[in-house]
Amino acid sequence: MNDIVQLKEYHCQHFDSIIIVDELYWIDELNHGYSLELLLSKIIYYNHLKITTNNSVKIIDMSATIPNLNQLAQWFDIEVYETIFRPISLEEYIKIDRILYNKQFISIRELHLSDR
């Protein structure tokens, strides 16, 4: 990652790369967000320089839970691709103290220390 942050030193001449950012919602995290935003901003900036015309760095950002997708797409100047495909079904539960409830708030089971 440090090599990517130092893109200015390399002038992107040696890059013809794809960077995949999984869990882009981290950009809103207090501890990690600033570094991620700075990194992506530098890559976007250097991609817009004329010296990167042939060797730009492609960025693929992924997240299943990002609330402001259109705002980020505008900032990154990117296209948005969405899918509802989910290879594994998602089950949601509510835990209060040691009791596990389903979405209808019906008690499913009591959790014990051995359930961790």
N, C-alpha and C. Protein backbone atom coordinates (compact mmCIF):
# COMPACT_ATOMS: atom_id res chain seq x y z
N MET A 1 0.82 -1.19 0.00
CA MET A 1 0.00 0.00 0.00
C MET A 1 0.86 1.25 0.00
N ASN A 2 2.01 1.22 0.67
CA ASN A 2 2.88 2.39 0.68
C ASN A 2 3.36 2.75 -0.72
N ASP A 3 3.60 1.72 -1.55
CA ASP A 3 4.02 2.00 -2.92
C ASP A 3 2.95 2.79 -3.67
N ILE A 4 1.70 2.47 -3.44
CA ILE A 4 0.61 3.15 -4.13
C ILE A 4 0.49 4.58 -3.64
N VAL A 5 0.69 4.80 -2.35
CA VAL A 5 0.60 6.15 -1.80
C VAL A 5 1.69 7.03 -2.40
N GLN A 6 2.80 6.45 -2.78
CA GLN A 6 3.91 7.20 -3.35
C GLN A 6 3.84 7.27 -4.88
N LEU A 7 2.66 7.30 -5.44
CA LEU A 7 2.50 7.32 -6.90
C LEU A 7 3.25 8.46 -7.56
N LYS A 8 3.38 9.58 -6.89
CA LYS A 8 4.06 10.73 -7.48
C LYS A 8 5.50 10.39 -7.83
N GLU A 9 6.18 9.63 -6.98
CA GLU A 9 7.57 9.26 -7.25
C GLU A 9 7.68 8.41 -8.51
N TYR A 10 6.71 7.57 -8.73
CA TYR A 10 6.74 6.68 -9.88
C TYR A 10 6.13 7.32 -11.13
N HIS A 11 5.43 8.40 -10.96
CA HIS A 11 4.73 9.08 -12.06
C HIS A 11 3.80 8.14 -12.82
N CYS A 12 3.41 7.06 -12.19
CA CYS A 12 2.47 6.08 -12.77
C CYS A 12 3.00 5.44 -14.05
N GLN A 13 4.25 5.64 -14.38
CA GLN A 13 4.78 5.10 -15.63
C GLN A 13 4.84 3.57 -15.61
N HIS A 14 4.98 3.00 -14.45
CA HIS A 14 5.13 1.55 -14.36
C HIS A 14 3.84 0.86 -13.96
N PHE A 15 2.76 1.60 -13.93
CA PHE A 15 1.50 1.01 -13.49
C PHE A 15 0.54 0.84 -14.66
N ASP A 16 0.03 -0.31 -14.79
CA ASP A 16 -1.11 -0.59 -15.63
C ASP A 16 -1.92 -1.57 -14.79
N SER A 17 -2.54 -1.05 -13.75
CA SER A 17 -3.02 -1.87 -12.65
C SER A 17 -4.50 -1.68 -12.36
N ILE A 18 -5.00 -2.61 -11.59
CA ILE A 18 -6.35 -2.52 -11.04
C ILE A 18 -6.22 -2.60 -9.53
N ILE A 19 -6.84 -1.65 -8.85
CA ILE A 19 -6.89 -1.67 -7.40
C ILE A 19 -8.32 -1.97 -7.00
N ILE A 20 -8.51 -2.99 -6.19
CA ILE A 20 -9.85 -3.36 -5.73
C ILE A 20 -9.98 -2.95 -4.27
N VAL A 21 -10.94 -2.10 -4.01
CA VAL A 21 -11.21 -1.64 -2.64
C VAL A 21 -12.49 -2.33 -2.19
N ASP A 22 -12.33 -3.34 -1.36
CA ASP A 22 -13.50 -4.05 -0.83
C ASP A 22 -13.94 -3.35 0.44
N GLU A 23 -15.22 -3.32 0.68
CA GLU A 23 -15.79 -2.65 1.86
C GLU A 23 -15.50 -1.16 1.84
N LEU A 24 -15.90 -0.51 0.77
CA LEU A 24 -15.67 0.93 0.60
C LEU A 24 -16.31 1.76 1.70
N TYR A 25 -17.29 1.21 2.40
CA TYR A 25 -17.93 1.98 3.47
C TYR A 25 -16.92 2.41 4.54
N TRP A 26 -15.74 1.78 4.57
CA TRP A 26 -14.71 2.20 5.53
C TRP A 26 -14.30 3.64 5.34
N ILE A 27 -14.60 4.20 4.18
CA ILE A 27 -14.22 5.59 3.92
C ILE A 27 -14.91 6.53 4.90
N ASP A 28 -15.97 6.06 5.52
CA ASP A 28 -16.71 6.86 6.49
C ASP A 28 -16.27 6.56 7.93
N GLU A 29 -15.33 5.64 8.10
CA GLU A 29 -14.85 5.27 9.43
C GLU A 29 -13.90 6.34 9.97
N LEU A 30 -13.99 6.60 11.24
CA LEU A 30 -13.18 7.63 11.88
C LEU A 30 -11.69 7.32 11.78
N ASN A 31 -11.29 6.08 12.04
CA ASN A 31 -9.87 5.74 12.08
C ASN A 31 -9.27 5.42 10.71
N HIS A 32 -10.04 4.83 9.81
CA HIS A 32 -9.49 4.40 8.53
C HIS A 32 -9.89 5.29 7.36
N GLY A 33 -10.97 6.00 7.50
CA GLY A 33 -11.55 6.73 6.38
C GLY A 33 -10.64 7.76 5.76
N TYR A 34 -9.95 8.53 6.58
CA TYR A 34 -9.09 9.58 6.05
C TYR A 34 -7.99 9.00 5.16
N SER A 35 -7.34 7.94 5.62
CA SER A 35 -6.26 7.32 4.85
C SER A 35 -6.77 6.76 3.53
N LEU A 36 -7.92 6.10 3.58
CA LEU A 36 -8.49 5.53 2.36
C LEU A 36 -8.90 6.63 1.40
N GLU A 37 -9.54 7.68 1.90
CA GLU A 37 -9.94 8.80 1.05
C GLU A 37 -8.72 9.46 0.42
N LEU A 38 -7.67 9.66 1.19
CA LEU A 38 -6.45 10.28 0.69
C LEU A 38 -5.81 9.42 -0.39
N LEU A 39 -5.73 8.13 -0.15
CA LEU A 39 -5.16 7.21 -1.12
C LEU A 39 -5.93 7.24 -2.44
N LEU A 40 -7.25 7.11 -2.36
CA LEU A 40 -8.07 7.10 -3.57
C LEU A 40 -8.02 8.45 -4.28
N SER A 41 -7.98 9.53 -3.53
CA SER A 41 -7.89 10.86 -4.13
C SER A 41 -6.59 11.03 -4.90
N LYS A 42 -5.49 10.52 -4.35
CA LYS A 42 -4.20 10.61 -5.05
C LYS A 42 -4.23 9.80 -6.34
N ILE A 43 -4.80 8.61 -6.28
CA ILE A 43 -4.87 7.78 -7.48
C ILE A 43 -5.71 8.47 -8.55
N ILE A 44 -6.85 9.01 -8.16
CA ILE A 44 -7.72 9.71 -9.10
C ILE A 44 -7.00 10.92 -9.69
N TYR A 45 -6.30 11.67 -8.85
CA TYR A 45 -5.56 12.85 -9.32
C TYR A 45 -4.50 12.45 -10.35
N TYR A 46 -3.70 11.45 -10.03
CA TYR A 46 -2.65 11.04 -10.95
C TYR A 46 -3.20 10.40 -12.21
N ASN A 47 -4.36 9.80 -12.13
CA ASN A 47 -4.99 9.28 -13.34
C ASN A 47 -5.40 10.41 -14.28
N HIS A 48 -5.67 11.59 -13.73
CA HIS A 48 -6.07 12.71 -14.57
C HIS A 48 -4.89 13.49 -15.15
N LEU A 49 -3.68 13.21 -14.69
CA LEU A 49 -2.51 13.87 -15.26
C LEU A 49 -2.24 13.30 -16.65
N LYS A 50 -1.71 14.12 -17.50
CA LYS A 50 -1.46 13.67 -18.87
C LYS A 50 -0.46 12.52 -18.94
N ILE A 51 0.46 12.44 -17.98
CA ILE A 51 1.45 11.37 -18.03
C ILE A 51 0.85 10.00 -17.77
N THR A 52 -0.35 9.96 -17.27
CA THR A 52 -0.97 8.66 -16.96
C THR A 52 -1.95 8.21 -18.03
N THR A 53 -1.99 8.88 -19.15
CA THR A 53 -2.98 8.56 -20.18
C THR A 53 -2.93 7.09 -20.58
N ASN A 54 -1.73 6.55 -20.77
CA ASN A 54 -1.61 5.17 -21.23
C ASN A 54 -1.53 4.15 -20.09
N ASN A 55 -1.08 4.58 -18.94
CA ASN A 55 -0.85 3.65 -17.84
C ASN A 55 -1.63 4.04 -16.60
N SER A 56 -2.90 4.20 -16.72
CA SER A 56 -3.68 4.62 -15.56
C SER A 56 -3.95 3.44 -14.63
N VAL A 57 -4.25 3.80 -13.40
CA VAL A 57 -4.60 2.82 -12.38
C VAL A 57 -6.11 2.74 -12.31
N LYS A 58 -6.66 1.58 -12.53
CA LYS A 58 -8.11 1.40 -12.47
C LYS A 58 -8.51 1.09 -11.04
N ILE A 59 -9.59 1.70 -10.60
CA ILE A 59 -10.08 1.48 -9.24
C ILE A 59 -11.44 0.81 -9.32
N ILE A 60 -11.59 -0.29 -8.61
CA ILE A 60 -12.88 -0.96 -8.47
C ILE A 60 -13.24 -0.90 -6.99
N ASP A 61 -14.30 -0.20 -6.68
CA ASP A 61 -14.75 -0.06 -5.30
C ASP A 61 -15.97 -0.95 -5.10
N MET A 62 -15.97 -1.70 -4.01
CA MET A 62 -17.08 -2.61 -3.74
C MET A 62 -17.59 -2.41 -2.32
N SER A 63 -18.89 -2.53 -2.19
CA SER A 63 -19.51 -2.50 -0.87
C SER A 63 -20.95 -2.96 -1.00
N ALA A 64 -21.39 -3.73 -0.04
CA ALA A 64 -22.78 -4.17 -0.04
C ALA A 64 -23.64 -3.26 0.82
N THR A 65 -23.02 -2.38 1.59
CA THR A 65 -23.78 -1.61 2.57
C THR A 65 -23.39 -0.14 2.58
N ILE A 66 -23.23 0.47 1.44
CA ILE A 66 -22.83 1.87 1.43
C ILE A 66 -24.06 2.75 1.20
N PRO A 67 -24.36 3.66 2.11
CA PRO A 67 -25.60 4.43 2.01
C PRO A 67 -25.56 5.55 0.98
N ASN A 68 -24.41 6.16 0.75
CA ASN A 68 -24.31 7.32 -0.14
C ASN A 68 -23.59 6.97 -1.44
N LEU A 69 -24.02 5.92 -2.08
CA LEU A 69 -23.37 5.40 -3.28
C LEU A 69 -23.30 6.44 -4.39
N ASN A 70 -24.39 7.12 -4.67
CA ASN A 70 -24.39 8.09 -5.77
C ASN A 70 -23.47 9.27 -5.50
N GLN A 71 -23.39 9.68 -4.25
CA GLN A 71 -22.48 10.78 -3.89
C GLN A 71 -21.03 10.36 -4.11
N LEU A 72 -20.68 9.15 -3.70
CA LEU A 72 -19.32 8.66 -3.91
C LEU A 72 -19.03 8.47 -5.39
N ALA A 73 -19.99 7.99 -6.13
CA ALA A 73 -19.80 7.80 -7.57
C ALA A 73 -19.51 9.13 -8.25
N GLN A 74 -20.19 10.17 -7.83
CA GLN A 74 -19.94 11.50 -8.39
C GLN A 74 -18.54 11.98 -8.02
N TRP A 75 -18.14 11.78 -6.79
CA TRP A 75 -16.82 12.20 -6.34
C TRP A 75 -15.72 11.44 -7.08
N PHE A 76 -15.90 10.11 -7.24
CA PHE A 76 -14.90 9.30 -7.94
C PHE A 76 -14.99 9.46 -9.46
N ASP A 77 -16.08 10.05 -9.95
CA ASP A 77 -16.33 10.15 -11.38
C ASP A 77 -16.34 8.75 -12.00
N ILE A 78 -17.19 7.90 -11.45
CA ILE A 78 -17.24 6.51 -11.88
C ILE A 78 -18.67 6.09 -12.21
N GLU A 79 -18.77 4.94 -12.83
CA GLU A 79 -20.07 4.35 -13.11
C GLU A 79 -20.46 3.43 -11.96
N VAL A 80 -21.74 3.32 -11.71
CA VAL A 80 -22.25 2.47 -10.63
C VAL A 80 -22.88 1.23 -11.24
N TYR A 81 -22.52 0.08 -10.72
CA TYR A 81 -23.12 -1.19 -11.10
C TYR A 81 -23.71 -1.79 -9.83
N GLU A 82 -24.98 -2.11 -9.88
CA GLU A 82 -25.64 -2.69 -8.71
C GLU A 82 -26.22 -4.05 -9.07
N THR A 83 -26.26 -4.91 -8.09
CA THR A 83 -26.88 -6.21 -8.28
C THR A 83 -27.59 -6.61 -6.99
N ILE A 84 -28.63 -7.38 -7.12
CA ILE A 84 -29.32 -7.90 -5.94
C ILE A 84 -28.97 -9.37 -5.72
N PHE A 85 -28.12 -9.91 -6.59
CA PHE A 85 -27.69 -11.30 -6.47
C PHE A 85 -26.96 -11.51 -5.15
N ARG A 86 -27.32 -12.57 -4.46
CA ARG A 86 -26.66 -12.93 -3.21
C ARG A 86 -26.52 -14.45 -3.21
N PRO A 87 -25.29 -14.97 -3.28
CA PRO A 87 -25.11 -16.42 -3.38
C PRO A 87 -25.53 -17.17 -2.12
N ILE A 88 -25.54 -16.49 -1.00
CA ILE A 88 -25.94 -17.11 0.27
C ILE A 88 -27.02 -16.23 0.88
N SER A 89 -28.10 -16.85 1.32
CA SER A 89 -29.19 -16.05 1.88
C SER A 89 -28.74 -15.37 3.17
N LEU A 90 -29.27 -14.21 3.39
CA LEU A 90 -28.95 -13.42 4.57
C LEU A 90 -30.04 -13.60 5.61
N GLU A 91 -29.65 -13.98 6.79
CA GLU A 91 -30.60 -14.13 7.89
C GLU A 91 -30.26 -13.08 8.94
N GLU A 92 -31.28 -12.38 9.40
CA GLU A 92 -31.07 -11.33 10.39
C GLU A 92 -31.71 -11.73 11.71
N TYR A 93 -30.99 -11.44 12.79
CA TYR A 93 -31.47 -11.73 14.13
C TYR A 93 -31.23 -10.52 15.02
N ILE A 94 -31.93 -10.51 16.13
CA ILE A 94 -31.78 -9.47 17.14
C ILE A 94 -31.36 -10.16 18.43
N LYS A 95 -30.29 -9.64 19.06
CA LYS A 95 -29.83 -10.23 20.31
C LYS A 95 -30.02 -9.21 21.43
N ILE A 96 -30.76 -9.60 22.43
CA ILE A 96 -30.94 -8.78 23.62
C ILE A 96 -30.53 -9.65 24.80
N ASP A 97 -29.52 -9.17 25.50
CA ASP A 97 -28.91 -9.95 26.57
C ASP A 97 -28.47 -11.30 26.00
N ARG A 98 -29.04 -12.39 26.48
CA ARG A 98 -28.64 -13.71 25.99
C ARG A 98 -29.70 -14.36 25.12
N ILE A 99 -30.73 -13.63 24.74
CA ILE A 99 -31.83 -14.19 23.94
C ILE A 99 -31.68 -13.74 22.49
N LEU A 100 -31.82 -14.68 21.56
CA LEU A 100 -31.75 -14.41 20.13
C LEU A 100 -33.17 -14.43 19.56
N TYR A 101 -33.55 -13.35 18.85
CA TYR A 101 -34.89 -13.21 18.27
C TYR A 101 -34.77 -13.13 16.75
N ASN A 102 -35.83 -13.58 16.06
CA ASN A 102 -35.88 -13.37 14.61
C ASN A 102 -36.45 -11.98 14.33
N LYS A 103 -36.63 -11.65 13.04
CA LYS A 103 -37.10 -10.30 12.68
C LYS A 103 -38.53 -10.03 13.13
N GLN A 104 -39.30 -11.08 13.38
CA GLN A 104 -40.65 -10.91 13.89
C GLN A 104 -40.65 -10.80 15.41
N PHE A 105 -39.47 -10.76 15.98
CA PHE A 105 -39.25 -10.65 17.42
C PHE A 105 -39.78 -11.87 18.18
N ILE A 106 -39.65 -13.02 17.55
CA ILE A 106 -39.99 -14.29 18.20
C ILE A 106 -38.69 -14.89 18.73
N SER A 107 -38.70 -15.30 19.98
CA SER A 107 -37.50 -15.86 20.59
C SER A 107 -37.09 -17.15 19.88
N ILE A 108 -35.84 -17.20 19.45
CA ILE A 108 -35.32 -18.37 18.75
C ILE A 108 -34.60 -19.30 19.72
N ARG A 109 -33.70 -18.73 20.53
CA ARG A 109 -32.97 -19.54 21.50
C ARG A 109 -32.22 -18.64 22.48
N GLU A 110 -31.76 -19.26 23.54
CA GLU A 110 -30.93 -18.56 24.51
C GLU A 110 -29.47 -18.90 24.23
N LEU A 111 -28.64 -17.88 24.24
CA LEU A 111 -27.22 -18.09 23.97
C LEU A 111 -26.47 -18.35 25.27
N HIS A 112 -25.50 -19.24 25.18
CA HIS A 112 -24.67 -19.57 26.33
C HIS A 112 -23.22 -19.26 25.98
N LEU A 113 -22.36 -19.24 26.94
CA LEU A 113 -20.95 -18.95 26.69
C LEU A 113 -20.35 -19.89 25.66
N SER A 114 -20.80 -21.12 25.60
CA SER A 114 -20.27 -22.08 24.64
C SER A 114 -20.70 -21.77 23.21
N ASP A 115 -21.66 -20.85 23.00
CA ASP A 115 -22.14 -20.48 21.67
C ASP A 115 -21.23 -19.48 20.97
N ARG A 116 -20.21 -19.01 21.63
CA ARG A 116 -19.34 -17.98 21.04
C ARG A 116 -18.52 -18.51 19.94
